[in-house]
PDB file of all heavy atoms in Angstrom:
ATOM      1  N   VAL A   1       0.867  -1.133   0.045  1.00  0.00           N
ATOM      2  CA  VAL A   1       0.019  -0.054   0.017  1.00  0.00           C
ATOM      3  C   VAL A   1       0.883   1.244   0.035  1.00  0.00           C
ATOM      4  O   VAL A   1       1.318   1.675   1.033  1.00  0.00           O
ATOM      5  CB  VAL A   1      -0.950   0.022   1.256  1.00  0.00           C
ATOM      6  CG1 VAL A   1      -1.807   1.219   1.199  1.00  0.00           C
ATOM      7  CG2 VAL A   1      -1.808  -1.208   1.220  1.00  0.00           C
ATOM      8  N   PRO A   2       1.250   1.701  -1.177  1.00  0.00           N
ATOM      9  CA  PRO A   2       2.058   2.923  -1.203  1.00  0.00           C
ATOM     10  C   PRO A   2       1.294   4.160  -0.782  1.00  0.00           C
ATOM     11  O   PRO A   2       0.115   4.167  -0.843  1.00  0.00           O
ATOM     12  CB  PRO A   2       2.533   2.952  -2.673  1.00  0.00           C
ATOM     13  CG  PRO A   2       1.508   2.294  -3.397  1.00  0.00           C
ATOM     14  CD  PRO A   2       0.997   1.197  -2.561  1.00  0.00           C
ATOM     15  N   GLY A   3       2.092   5.207  -0.379  1.00  0.00           N
ATOM     16  CA  GLY A   3       1.452   6.455   0.026  1.00  0.00           C
ATOM     17  C   GLY A   3       0.973   6.507   1.505  1.00  0.00           C
ATOM     18  O   GLY A   3       1.300   5.551   2.280  1.00  0.00           O
ATOM     19  N   PRO A   4       0.419   7.660   1.870  1.00  0.00           N
ATOM     20  CA  PRO A   4       0.087   7.866   3.352  1.00  0.00           C
ATOM     21  C   PRO A   4      -0.964   6.924   3.941  1.00  0.00           C
ATOM     22  O   PRO A   4      -1.003   6.916   5.088  1.00  0.00           O
ATOM     23  CB  PRO A   4      -0.372   9.334   3.338  1.00  0.00           C
ATOM     24  CG  PRO A   4      -0.793   9.613   1.928  1.00  0.00           C
ATOM     25  CD  PRO A   4       0.044   8.755   1.054  1.00  0.00           C
ATOM     26  N   ALA A   5      -1.724   6.185   2.993  1.00  0.00           N
ATOM     27  CA  ALA A   5      -2.676   5.215   3.576  1.00  0.00           C
ATOM     28  C   ALA A   5      -1.984   4.212   4.432  1.00  0.00           C
ATOM     29  O   ALA A   5      -2.596   3.586   5.347  1.00  0.00           O
ATOM     30  CB  ALA A   5      -3.467   4.546   2.514  1.00  0.00           C
ATOM     31  N   LEU A   6      -0.677   3.961   4.222  1.00  0.00           N
ATOM     32  CA  LEU A   6       0.122   3.100   5.161  1.00  0.00           C
ATOM     33  C   LEU A   6       1.303   3.930   5.576  1.00  0.00           C
ATOM     34  O   LEU A   6       2.346   3.976   4.816  1.00  0.00           O
ATOM     35  CB  LEU A   6       0.564   1.803   4.460  1.00  0.00           C
ATOM     36  CG  LEU A   6       0.825   0.644   5.513  1.00  0.00           C
ATOM     37  CD1 LEU A   6       1.183  -0.639   4.640  1.00  0.00           C
ATOM     38  CD2 LEU A   6       1.980   0.937   6.370  1.00  0.00           C
ATOM     39  N   SER A   7       1.186   4.567   6.661  1.00  0.00           N
ATOM     40  CA  SER A   7       2.214   5.457   7.234  1.00  0.00           C
ATOM     41  C   SER A   7       3.023   4.894   8.465  1.00  0.00           C
ATOM     42  O   SER A   7       3.891   5.522   8.974  1.00  0.00           O
ATOM     43  CB  SER A   7       1.682   6.806   7.534  1.00  0.00           C
ATOM     44  OG  SER A   7       1.175   7.477   6.442  1.00  0.00           O
ATOM     45  N   GLN A   8       2.610   3.755   8.909  1.00  0.00           N
ATOM     46  CA  GLN A   8       3.094   3.123  10.129  1.00  0.00           C
ATOM     47  C   GLN A   8       2.959   1.654  10.149  1.00  0.00           C
ATOM     48  O   GLN A   8       1.866   1.221   9.852  1.00  0.00           O
ATOM     49  CB  GLN A   8       2.376   3.725  11.405  1.00  0.00           C
ATOM     50  CG  GLN A   8       2.935   3.378  12.690  1.00  0.00           C
ATOM     51  CD  GLN A   8       2.264   4.140  13.865  1.00  0.00           C
ATOM     52  OE1 GLN A   8       3.068   4.723  14.652  1.00  0.00           O
ATOM     53  NE2 GLN A   8       1.023   4.362  13.894  1.00  0.00           N
ATOM     54  N   VAL A   9       4.070   1.033  10.517  1.00  0.00           N
ATOM     55  CA  VAL A   9       4.004  -0.457  10.685  1.00  0.00           C
ATOM     56  C   VAL A   9       4.392  -0.754  12.160  1.00  0.00           C
ATOM     57  O   VAL A   9       5.366  -0.369  12.587  1.00  0.00           O
ATOM     58  CB  VAL A   9       4.974  -1.213   9.644  1.00  0.00           C
ATOM     59  CG1 VAL A   9       5.044  -2.646  10.078  1.00  0.00           C
ATOM     60  CG2 VAL A   9       4.418  -1.034   8.292  1.00  0.00           C
ATOM     61  N   ILE A  10       3.490  -1.521  12.778  1.00  0.00           N
ATOM     62  CA  ILE A  10       3.818  -1.903  14.164  1.00  0.00           C
ATOM     63  C   ILE A  10       4.015  -3.442  14.306  1.00  0.00           C
ATOM     64  O   ILE A  10       3.173  -4.134  13.710  1.00  0.00           O
ATOM     65  CB  ILE A  10       2.650  -1.605  15.079  1.00  0.00           C
ATOM     66  CG1 ILE A  10       2.368  -0.025  15.111  1.00  0.00           C
ATOM     67  CG2 ILE A  10       2.903  -2.045  16.517  1.00  0.00           C
ATOM     68  CD1 ILE A  10       1.103   0.367  15.828  1.00  0.00           C
ATOM     69  N   ILE A  11       5.181  -3.817  14.734  1.00  0.00           N
ATOM     70  CA  ILE A  11       5.505  -5.226  14.974  1.00  0.00           C
ATOM     71  C   ILE A  11       5.199  -5.596  16.392  1.00  0.00           C
ATOM     72  O   ILE A  11       5.895  -5.069  17.313  1.00  0.00           O
ATOM     73  CB  ILE A  11       6.931  -5.545  14.623  1.00  0.00           C
ATOM     74  CG1 ILE A  11       7.390  -5.086  13.211  1.00  0.00           C
ATOM     75  CG2 ILE A  11       7.318  -7.018  14.802  1.00  0.00           C
ATOM     76  CD1 ILE A  11       6.715  -5.810  12.128  1.00  0.00           C
ATOM     77  N   THR A  12       4.183  -6.366  16.607  1.00  0.00           N
ATOM     78  CA  THR A  12       3.810  -6.628  17.976  1.00  0.00           C
ATOM     79  C   THR A  12       4.622  -7.714  18.603  1.00  0.00           C
ATOM     80  O   THR A  12       4.765  -7.793  19.893  1.00  0.00           O
ATOM     81  CB  THR A  12       2.292  -7.202  18.025  1.00  0.00           C
ATOM     82  OG1 THR A  12       2.247  -8.399  17.174  1.00  0.00           O
ATOM     83  CG2 THR A  12       1.365  -6.183  17.340  1.00  0.00           C
ATOM     84  N   ARG A  13       5.373  -8.459  17.808  1.00  0.00           N
ATOM     85  CA  ARG A  13       6.151  -9.579  18.402  1.00  0.00           C
ATOM     86  C   ARG A  13       7.113 -10.063  17.396  1.00  0.00           C
ATOM     87  O   ARG A  13       6.836 -10.186  16.170  1.00  0.00           O
ATOM     88  CB  ARG A  13       5.331 -10.732  18.831  1.00  0.00           C
ATOM     89  CG  ARG A  13       5.901 -11.846  19.571  1.00  0.00           C
ATOM     90  CD  ARG A  13       4.989 -12.932  20.056  1.00  0.00           C
ATOM     91  NE  ARG A  13       5.608 -13.941  20.856  1.00  0.00           N
ATOM     92  CZ  ARG A  13       4.878 -14.982  21.454  1.00  0.00           C
ATOM     93  NH1 ARG A  13       3.567 -14.999  21.280  1.00  0.00           N
ATOM     94  NH2 ARG A  13       5.489 -15.804  22.059  1.00  0.00           N
ATOM     95  N   LEU A  14       8.428 -10.315  17.789  1.00  0.00           N
ATOM     96  CA  LEU A  14       9.372 -10.825  16.863  1.00  0.00           C
ATOM     97  C   LEU A  14       8.849 -12.183  16.294  1.00  0.00           C
ATOM     98  O   LEU A  14       8.377 -13.079  17.025  1.00  0.00           O
ATOM     99  CB  LEU A  14      10.690 -11.109  17.517  1.00  0.00           C
ATOM    100  CG  LEU A  14      11.289  -9.823  18.121  1.00  0.00           C
ATOM    101  CD1 LEU A  14      12.675 -10.191  18.741  1.00  0.00           C
ATOM    102  CD2 LEU A  14      11.613  -8.791  17.052  1.00  0.00           C
ATOM    103  N   PRO A  15       8.831 -12.398  14.951  1.00  0.00           N
ATOM    104  CA  PRO A  15       8.117 -13.528  14.361  1.00  0.00           C
ATOM    105  C   PRO A  15       8.903 -14.828  14.374  1.00  0.00           C
ATOM    106  O   PRO A  15       9.126 -15.459  13.383  1.00  0.00           O
ATOM    107  CB  PRO A  15       7.921 -13.052  12.882  1.00  0.00           C
ATOM    108  CG  PRO A  15       9.146 -12.181  12.694  1.00  0.00           C
ATOM    109  CD  PRO A  15       9.459 -11.466  14.019  1.00  0.00           C
ATOM    110  N   PHE A  16       9.163 -15.300  15.527  1.00  0.00           N
ATOM    111  CA  PHE A  16       9.734 -16.659  15.737  1.00  0.00           C
ATOM    112  C   PHE A  16       8.650 -17.712  15.387  1.00  0.00           C
ATOM    113  O   PHE A  16       7.560 -17.602  15.859  1.00  0.00           O
ATOM    114  CB  PHE A  16      10.267 -16.910  17.115  1.00  0.00           C
ATOM    115  CG  PHE A  16      11.562 -16.134  17.365  1.00  0.00           C
ATOM    116  CD1 PHE A  16      11.515 -15.050  18.312  1.00  0.00           C
ATOM    117  CD2 PHE A  16      12.757 -16.456  16.781  1.00  0.00           C
ATOM    118  CE1 PHE A  16      12.707 -14.307  18.627  1.00  0.00           C
ATOM    119  CE2 PHE A  16      13.896 -15.749  17.006  1.00  0.00           C
ATOM    120  CZ  PHE A  16      13.864 -14.614  17.932  1.00  0.00           C
ATOM    121  N   GLU A  17       9.054 -18.773  14.666  1.00  0.00           N
ATOM    122  CA  GLU A  17       8.141 -19.816  14.384  1.00  0.00           C
ATOM    123  C   GLU A  17       7.915 -20.627  15.719  1.00  0.00           C
ATOM    124  O   GLU A  17       8.774 -20.672  16.547  1.00  0.00           O
ATOM    125  CB  GLU A  17       8.693 -20.825  13.373  1.00  0.00           C
ATOM    126  CG  GLU A  17       7.737 -21.935  12.981  1.00  0.00           C
ATOM    127  CD  GLU A  17       8.313 -22.861  11.889  1.00  0.00           C
ATOM    128  OE1 GLU A  17       9.540 -22.699  11.533  1.00  0.00           O
ATOM    129  OE2 GLU A  17       7.585 -23.665  11.376  1.00  0.00           O
ATOM    130  N   ILE A  18       6.599 -21.137  15.913  1.00  0.00           N
ATOM    131  CA  ILE A  18       6.268 -21.873  16.977  1.00  0.00           C
ATOM    132  C   ILE A  18       7.236 -23.119  17.114  1.00  0.00           C
ATOM    133  O   ILE A  18       7.176 -24.005  16.244  1.00  0.00           O
ATOM    134  CB  ILE A  18       4.769 -22.310  17.038  1.00  0.00           C
ATOM    135  CG1 ILE A  18       3.954 -21.112  16.890  1.00  0.00           C
ATOM    136  CG2 ILE A  18       4.506 -23.098  18.222  1.00  0.00           C
ATOM    137  CD1 ILE A  18       2.437 -21.437  16.706  1.00  0.00           C
ATOM    138  N   PRO A  19       7.950 -23.215  18.123  1.00  0.00           N
ATOM    139  CA  PRO A  19       9.013 -24.283  18.189  1.00  0.00           C
ATOM    140  C   PRO A  19       8.404 -25.650  18.298  1.00  0.00           C
ATOM    141  O   PRO A  19       9.089 -26.666  18.107  1.00  0.00           O
ATOM    142  CB  PRO A  19       9.914 -23.956  19.391  1.00  0.00           C
ATOM    143  CG  PRO A  19       9.089 -23.030  20.218  1.00  0.00           C
ATOM    144  CD  PRO A  19       8.214 -22.402  19.329  1.00  0.00           C
ATOM    145  N   THR A  20       7.147 -25.745  18.863  1.00  0.00           N
ATOM    146  CA  THR A  20       6.494 -27.041  19.016  1.00  0.00           C
ATOM    147  C   THR A  20       5.759 -27.622  17.843  1.00  0.00           C
ATOM    148  O   THR A  20       5.273 -28.646  17.869  1.00  0.00           O
ATOM    149  CB  THR A  20       5.525 -26.962  20.215  1.00  0.00           C
ATOM    150  OG1 THR A  20       4.622 -25.811  19.952  1.00  0.00           O
ATOM    151  CG2 THR A  20       6.344 -26.661  21.512  1.00  0.00           C
ATOM    152  N   HIS A  21       5.662 -26.785  16.689  1.00  0.00           N
ATOM    153  CA  HIS A  21       5.052 -27.350  15.521  1.00  0.00           C
ATOM    154  C   HIS A  21       5.812 -28.552  15.113  1.00  0.00           C
ATOM    155  O   HIS A  21       7.055 -28.584  15.022  1.00  0.00           O
ATOM    156  CB  HIS A  21       4.854 -26.279  14.391  1.00  0.00           C
ATOM    157  CG  HIS A  21       3.942 -26.732  13.298  1.00  0.00           C
ATOM    158  ND1 HIS A  21       4.569 -27.577  12.231  1.00  0.00           N
ATOM    159  CD2 HIS A  21       2.821 -26.526  13.035  1.00  0.00           C
ATOM    160  CE1 HIS A  21       3.581 -27.795  11.417  1.00  0.00           C
ATOM    161  NE2 HIS A  21       2.461 -27.202  11.877  1.00  0.00           N
ATOM    162  N   PRO A  22       5.132 -29.673  14.562  1.00  0.00           N
ATOM    163  CA  PRO A  22       5.821 -30.794  14.194  1.00  0.00           C
ATOM    164  C   PRO A  22       6.982 -30.573  13.215  1.00  0.00           C
ATOM    165  O   PRO A  22       8.019 -31.239  13.299  1.00  0.00           O
ATOM    166  CB  PRO A  22       4.693 -31.686  13.603  1.00  0.00           C
ATOM    167  CG  PRO A  22       3.463 -31.191  14.317  1.00  0.00           C
ATOM    168  CD  PRO A  22       3.664 -29.770  14.556  1.00  0.00           C
ATOM    169  N   VAL A  23       6.852 -29.782  12.156  1.00  0.00           N
ATOM    170  CA  VAL A  23       7.878 -29.542  11.253  1.00  0.00           C
ATOM    171  C   VAL A  23       9.081 -28.917  11.842  1.00  0.00           C
ATOM    172  O   VAL A  23      10.299 -29.394  11.635  1.00  0.00           O
ATOM    173  CB  VAL A  23       7.297 -28.706  10.064  1.00  0.00           C
ATOM    174  CG1 VAL A  23       8.460 -28.416   9.013  1.00  0.00           C
ATOM    175  CG2 VAL A  23       6.182 -29.478   9.325  1.00  0.00           C
ATOM    176  N   ALA A  24       8.797 -27.829  12.570  1.00  0.00           N
ATOM    177  CA  ALA A  24       9.945 -27.138  13.341  1.00  0.00           C
ATOM    178  C   ALA A  24      10.626 -28.045  14.334  1.00  0.00           C
ATOM    179  O   ALA A  24      11.866 -28.101  14.394  1.00  0.00           O
ATOM    180  CB  ALA A  24       9.339 -25.913  14.002  1.00  0.00           C
ATOM    181  N   GLU A  25       9.831 -28.794  15.031  1.00  0.00           N
ATOM    182  CA  GLU A  25      10.327 -29.763  16.018  1.00  0.00           C
ATOM    183  C   GLU A  25      11.239 -30.867  15.321  1.00  0.00           C
ATOM    184  O   GLU A  25      12.423 -31.104  15.725  1.00  0.00           O
ATOM    185  CB  GLU A  25       9.256 -30.477  16.725  1.00  0.00           C
ATOM    186  CG  GLU A  25       9.615 -31.283  18.045  1.00  0.00           C
ATOM    187  CD  GLU A  25       8.345 -31.801  18.631  1.00  0.00           C
ATOM    188  OE1 GLU A  25       7.709 -32.682  18.200  1.00  0.00           O
ATOM    189  OE2 GLU A  25       8.026 -31.222  19.781  1.00  0.00           O
ATOM    190  N   ALA A  26      10.673 -31.409  14.245  1.00  0.00           N
ATOM    191  CA  ALA A  26      11.558 -32.414  13.520  1.00  0.00           C
ATOM    192  C   ALA A  26      12.829 -31.903  12.880  1.00  0.00           C
ATOM    193  O   ALA A  26      13.845 -32.531  12.947  1.00  0.00           O
ATOM    194  CB  ALA A  26      10.668 -33.090  12.426  1.00  0.00           C
ATOM    195  N   ARG A  27      12.715 -30.714  12.399  1.00  0.00           N
ATOM    196  CA  ARG A  27      13.986 -30.073  11.878  1.00  0.00           C
ATOM    197  C   ARG A  27      14.959 -29.741  12.918  1.00  0.00           C
ATOM    198  O   ARG A  27      16.178 -29.945  12.635  1.00  0.00           O
ATOM    199  CB  ARG A  27      13.526 -28.721  11.150  1.00  0.00           C
ATOM    200  CG  ARG A  27      12.921 -28.965   9.743  1.00  0.00           C
ATOM    201  CD  ARG A  27      12.639 -27.706   9.003  1.00  0.00           C
ATOM    202  NE  ARG A  27      12.122 -27.919   7.718  1.00  0.00           N
ATOM    203  CZ  ARG A  27      11.299 -27.185   7.018  1.00  0.00           C
ATOM    204  NH1 ARG A  27      10.846 -26.023   7.563  1.00  0.00           N
ATOM    205  NH2 ARG A  27      10.813 -27.472   5.818  1.00  0.00           N
ATOM    206  N   SER A  28      14.444 -29.291  14.054  1.00  0.00           N
ATOM    207  CA  SER A  28      15.438 -29.077  15.168  1.00  0.00           C
ATOM    208  C   SER A  28      16.158 -30.318  15.549  1.00  0.00           C
ATOM    209  O   SER A  28      17.363 -30.295  15.742  1.00  0.00           O
ATOM    210  CB  SER A  28      14.603 -28.480  16.415  1.00  0.00           C
ATOM    211  OG  SER A  28      14.040 -27.262  16.094  1.00  0.00           O
ATOM    212  N   GLU A  29      15.435 -31.413  15.731  1.00  0.00           N
ATOM    213  CA  GLU A  29      16.057 -32.700  15.950  1.00  0.00           C
ATOM    214  C   GLU A  29      17.088 -33.118  14.952  1.00  0.00           C
ATOM    215  O   GLU A  29      18.132 -33.645  15.226  1.00  0.00           O
ATOM    216  CB  GLU A  29      14.902 -33.776  16.078  1.00  0.00           C
ATOM    217  CG  GLU A  29      14.042 -33.605  17.270  1.00  0.00           C
ATOM    218  CD  GLU A  29      12.805 -34.478  17.194  1.00  0.00           C
ATOM    219  OE1 GLU A  29      12.660 -35.264  16.228  1.00  0.00           O
ATOM    220  OE2 GLU A  29      11.847 -34.417  18.025  1.00  0.00           O
ATOM    221  N   TRP A  30      16.707 -32.917  13.667  1.00  0.00           N
ATOM    222  CA  TRP A  30      17.550 -33.264  12.568  1.00  0.00           C
ATOM    223  C   TRP A  30      18.806 -32.449  12.545  1.00  0.00           C
ATOM    224  O   TRP A  30      20.022 -33.012  12.399  1.00  0.00           O
ATOM    225  CB  TRP A  30      16.809 -32.995  11.193  1.00  0.00           C
ATOM    226  CG  TRP A  30      17.613 -33.335   9.991  1.00  0.00           C
ATOM    227  CD1 TRP A  30      17.934 -34.664   9.468  1.00  0.00           C
ATOM    228  CD2 TRP A  30      18.127 -32.425   9.086  1.00  0.00           C
ATOM    229  NE1 TRP A  30      18.601 -34.512   8.359  1.00  0.00           N
ATOM    230  CE2 TRP A  30      18.699 -33.162   8.083  1.00  0.00           C
ATOM    231  CE3 TRP A  30      18.103 -31.047   9.019  1.00  0.00           C
ATOM    232  CZ2 TRP A  30      19.416 -32.502   7.024  1.00  0.00           C
ATOM    233  CZ3 TRP A  30      18.688 -30.362   8.002  1.00  0.00           C
ATOM    234  CH2 TRP A  30      19.389 -31.146   6.997  1.00  0.00           C
ATOM    235  N   ILE A  31      18.698 -31.167  12.900  1.00  0.00           N
ATOM    236  CA  ILE A  31      19.946 -30.301  12.963  1.00  0.00           C
ATOM    237  C   ILE A  31      20.779 -30.740  14.189  1.00  0.00           C
ATOM    238  O   ILE A  31      22.034 -30.750  14.035  1.00  0.00           O
ATOM    239  CB  ILE A  31      19.411 -28.797  13.087  1.00  0.00           C
ATOM    240  CG1 ILE A  31      18.791 -28.401  11.758  1.00  0.00           C
ATOM    241  CG2 ILE A  31      20.674 -27.984  13.392  1.00  0.00           C
ATOM    242  CD1 ILE A  31      18.242 -26.969  11.835  1.00  0.00           C
ATOM    243  N   ARG A  32      20.225 -31.071  15.317  1.00  0.00           N
ATOM    244  CA  ARG A  32      20.932 -31.525  16.414  1.00  0.00           C
ATOM    245  C   ARG A  32      21.679 -32.778  16.099  1.00  0.00           C
ATOM    246  O   ARG A  32      22.926 -32.875  16.639  1.00  0.00           O
ATOM    247  CB  ARG A  32      20.105 -31.717  17.616  1.00  0.00           C
ATOM    248  CG  ARG A  32      19.501 -30.412  18.297  1.00  0.00           C
ATOM    249  CD  ARG A  32      18.877 -30.618  19.679  1.00  0.00           C
ATOM    250  NE  ARG A  32      18.120 -29.552  20.102  1.00  0.00           N
ATOM    251  CZ  ARG A  32      16.854 -29.401  19.867  1.00  0.00           C
ATOM    252  NH1 ARG A  32      16.146 -30.348  19.304  1.00  0.00           N
ATOM    253  NH2 ARG A  32      16.215 -28.380  20.317  1.00  0.00           N
ATOM    254  N   LYS A  33      21.129 -33.646  15.448  1.00  0.00           N
ATOM    255  CA  LYS A  33      21.870 -34.939  15.182  1.00  0.00           C
ATOM    256  C   LYS A  33      23.065 -34.674  14.285  1.00  0.00           C
ATOM    257  O   LYS A  33      23.975 -35.383  14.261  1.00  0.00           O
ATOM    258  CB  LYS A  33      20.890 -35.794  14.358  1.00  0.00           C
ATOM    259  CG  LYS A  33      19.823 -36.453  15.265  1.00  0.00           C
ATOM    260  CD  LYS A  33      18.794 -37.399  14.411  1.00  0.00           C
ATOM    261  CE  LYS A  33      17.782 -38.006  15.338  1.00  0.00           C
ATOM    262  NZ  LYS A  33      16.868 -38.829  14.554  1.00  0.00           N
ATOM    263  N   ARG A  34      23.037 -33.546  13.517  1.00  0.00           N
ATOM    264  CA  ARG A  34      24.166 -33.255  12.683  1.00  0.00           C
ATOM    265  C   ARG A  34      25.195 -32.422  13.420  1.00  0.00           C
ATOM    266  O   ARG A  34      26.142 -31.914  12.866  1.00  0.00           O
ATOM    267  CB  ARG A  34      23.699 -32.435  11.408  1.00  0.00           C
ATOM    268  CG  ARG A  34      22.844 -33.227  10.424  1.00  0.00           C
ATOM    269  CD  ARG A  34      22.230 -32.381   9.334  1.00  0.00           C
ATOM    270  NE  ARG A  34      23.054 -31.346   8.850  1.00  0.00           N
ATOM    271  CZ  ARG A  34      22.919 -30.066   9.030  1.00  0.00           C
ATOM    272  NH1 ARG A  34      21.840 -29.617   9.700  1.00  0.00           N
ATOM    273  NH2 ARG A  34      23.760 -29.163   8.545  1.00  0.00           N
ATOM    274  N   GLY A  35      24.865 -32.162  14.732  1.00  0.00           N
ATOM    275  CA  GLY A  35      25.831 -31.326  15.552  1.00  0.00           C
ATOM    276  C   GLY A  35      25.639 -29.949  15.433  1.00  0.00           C
ATOM    277  O   GLY A  35      26.472 -29.171  15.844  1.00  0.00           O
ATOM    278  N   GLY A  36      24.469 -29.466  14.962  1.00  0.00           N
ATOM    279  CA  GLY A  36      24.182 -28.049  14.748  1.00  0.00           C
ATOM    280  C   GLY A  36      23.319 -27.459  15.795  1.00  0.00           C
ATOM    281  O   GLY A  36      22.964 -28.163  16.748  1.00  0.00           O
ATOM    282  N   ASN A  37      23.109 -26.175  15.684  1.00  0.00           N
ATOM    283  CA  ASN A  37      22.288 -25.419  16.621  1.00  0.00           C
ATOM    284  C   ASN A  37      20.958 -24.986  15.934  1.00  0.00           C
ATOM    285  O   ASN A  37      21.087 -24.084  15.061  1.00  0.00           O
ATOM    286  CB  ASN A  37      23.053 -24.119  17.106  1.00  0.00           C
ATOM    287  CG  ASN A  37      22.260 -23.366  18.147  1.00  0.00           C
ATOM    288  OD1 ASN A  37      21.116 -23.256  18.071  1.00  0.00           O
ATOM    289  ND2 ASN A  37      23.026 -22.809  19.098  1.00  0.00           N
ATOM    290  N   PRO A  38      19.872 -25.644  16.280  1.00  0.00           N
ATOM    291  CA  PRO A  38      18.594 -25.285  15.549  1.00  0.00           C
ATOM    292  C   PRO A  38      18.224 -23.825  15.633  1.00  0.00           C
ATOM    293  O   PRO A  38      17.709 -23.269  14.653  1.00  0.00           O
ATOM    294  CB  PRO A  38      17.560 -26.124  16.240  1.00  0.00           C
ATOM    295  CG  PRO A  38      18.306 -27.243  16.892  1.00  0.00           C
ATOM    296  CD  PRO A  38      19.703 -26.674  17.305  1.00  0.00           C
ATOM    297  N   PHE A  39      18.458 -23.157  16.800  1.00  0.00           N
ATOM    298  CA  PHE A  39      18.099 -21.734  16.898  1.00  0.00           C
ATOM    299  C   PHE A  39      18.922 -20.855  15.997  1.00  0.00           C
ATOM    300  O   PHE A  39      18.433 -20.014  15.208  1.00  0.00           O
ATOM    301  CB  PHE A  39      18.218 -21.242  18.413  1.00  0.00           C
ATOM    302  CG  PHE A  39      17.787 -19.918  18.600  1.00  0.00           C
ATOM    303  CD1 PHE A  39      16.447 -19.597  18.714  1.00  0.00           C
ATOM    304  CD2 PHE A  39      18.706 -18.756  18.684  1.00  0.00           C
ATOM    305  CE1 PHE A  39      15.954 -18.333  18.874  1.00  0.00           C
ATOM    306  CE2 PHE A  39      18.329 -17.468  18.874  1.00  0.00           C
ATOM    307  CZ  PHE A  39      16.907 -17.241  18.964  1.00  0.00           C
ATOM    308  N   ALA A  40      20.135 -21.151  15.935  1.00  0.00           N
ATOM    309  CA  ALA A  40      21.153 -20.292  15.135  1.00  0.00           C
ATOM    310  C   ALA A  40      20.962 -20.663  13.639  1.00  0.00           C
ATOM    311  O   ALA A  40      21.103 -19.752  12.790  1.00  0.00           O
ATOM    312  CB  ALA A  40      22.562 -20.531  15.485  1.00  0.00           C
ATOM    313  N   GLU A  41      20.662 -21.886  13.337  1.00  0.00           N
ATOM    314  CA  GLU A  41      20.630 -22.293  11.922  1.00  0.00           C
ATOM    315  C   GLU A  41      19.304 -22.203  11.250  1.00  0.00           C
ATOM    316  O   GLU A  41      19.168 -22.015  10.035  1.00  0.00           O
ATOM    317  CB  GLU A  41      21.061 -23.802  11.711  1.00  0.00           C
ATOM    318  CG  GLU A  41      22.462 -23.978  12.050  1.00  0.00           C
ATOM    319  CD  GLU A  41      22.974 -25.467  11.875  1.00  0.00           C
ATOM    320  OE1 GLU A  41      22.437 -26.075  10.987  1.00  0.00           O
ATOM    321  OE2 GLU A  41      23.868 -25.896  12.554  1.00  0.00           O
ATOM    322  N   MET A  42      18.252 -22.226  12.111  1.00  0.00           N
ATOM    323  CA  MET A  42      16.852 -22.239  11.537  1.00  0.00           C
ATOM    324  C   MET A  42      15.951 -21.170  12.125  1.00  0.00           C
ATOM    325  O   MET A  42      15.450 -20.283  11.385  1.00  0.00           O
ATOM    326  CB  MET A  42      16.244 -23.675  11.677  1.00  0.00           C
ATOM    327  CG  MET A  42      14.806 -23.749  11.137  1.00  0.00           C
ATOM    328  SD  MET A  42      14.119 -25.507  11.586  1.00  0.00           S
ATOM    329  CE  MET A  42      13.864 -25.136  13.400  1.00  0.00           C
ATOM    330  N   THR A  43      15.724 -21.273  13.405  1.00  0.00           N
ATOM    331  CA  THR A  43      14.759 -20.380  13.992  1.00  0.00           C
ATOM    332  C   THR A  43      15.039 -18.914  13.788  1.00  0.00           C
ATOM    333  O   THR A  43      14.123 -18.151  13.417  1.00  0.00           O
ATOM    334  CB  THR A  43      14.665 -20.735  15.546  1.00  0.00           C
ATOM    335  OG1 THR A  43      14.378 -22.150  15.589  1.00  0.00           O
ATOM    336  CG2 THR A  43      13.394 -19.991  16.118  1.00  0.00           C
ATOM    337  N   LEU A  44      16.279 -18.532  14.166  1.00  0.00           N
ATOM    338  CA  LEU A  44      16.688 -17.082  14.079  1.00  0.00           C
ATOM    339  C   LEU A  44      16.711 -16.542  12.680  1.00  0.00           C
ATOM    340  O   LEU A  44      16.150 -15.524  12.341  1.00  0.00           O
ATOM    341  CB  LEU A  44      18.044 -16.907  14.840  1.00  0.00           C
ATOM    342  CG  LEU A  44      18.522 -15.419  14.874  1.00  0.00           C
ATOM    343  CD1 LEU A  44      17.527 -14.618  15.517  1.00  0.00           C
ATOM    344  CD2 LEU A  44      19.857 -15.423  15.574  1.00  0.00           C
TER     345      LEU A  44
END
């Protein structure tokens, strides 16, 4: 929406994915098995 009709954007919360969703949970486990850090490699 270009122009003054959108003059302000409010971020209510940093958009981290829900860590308990099955896909995020499974990916976190997969990254840990590879010796990685799920938060640093995926979530963040």
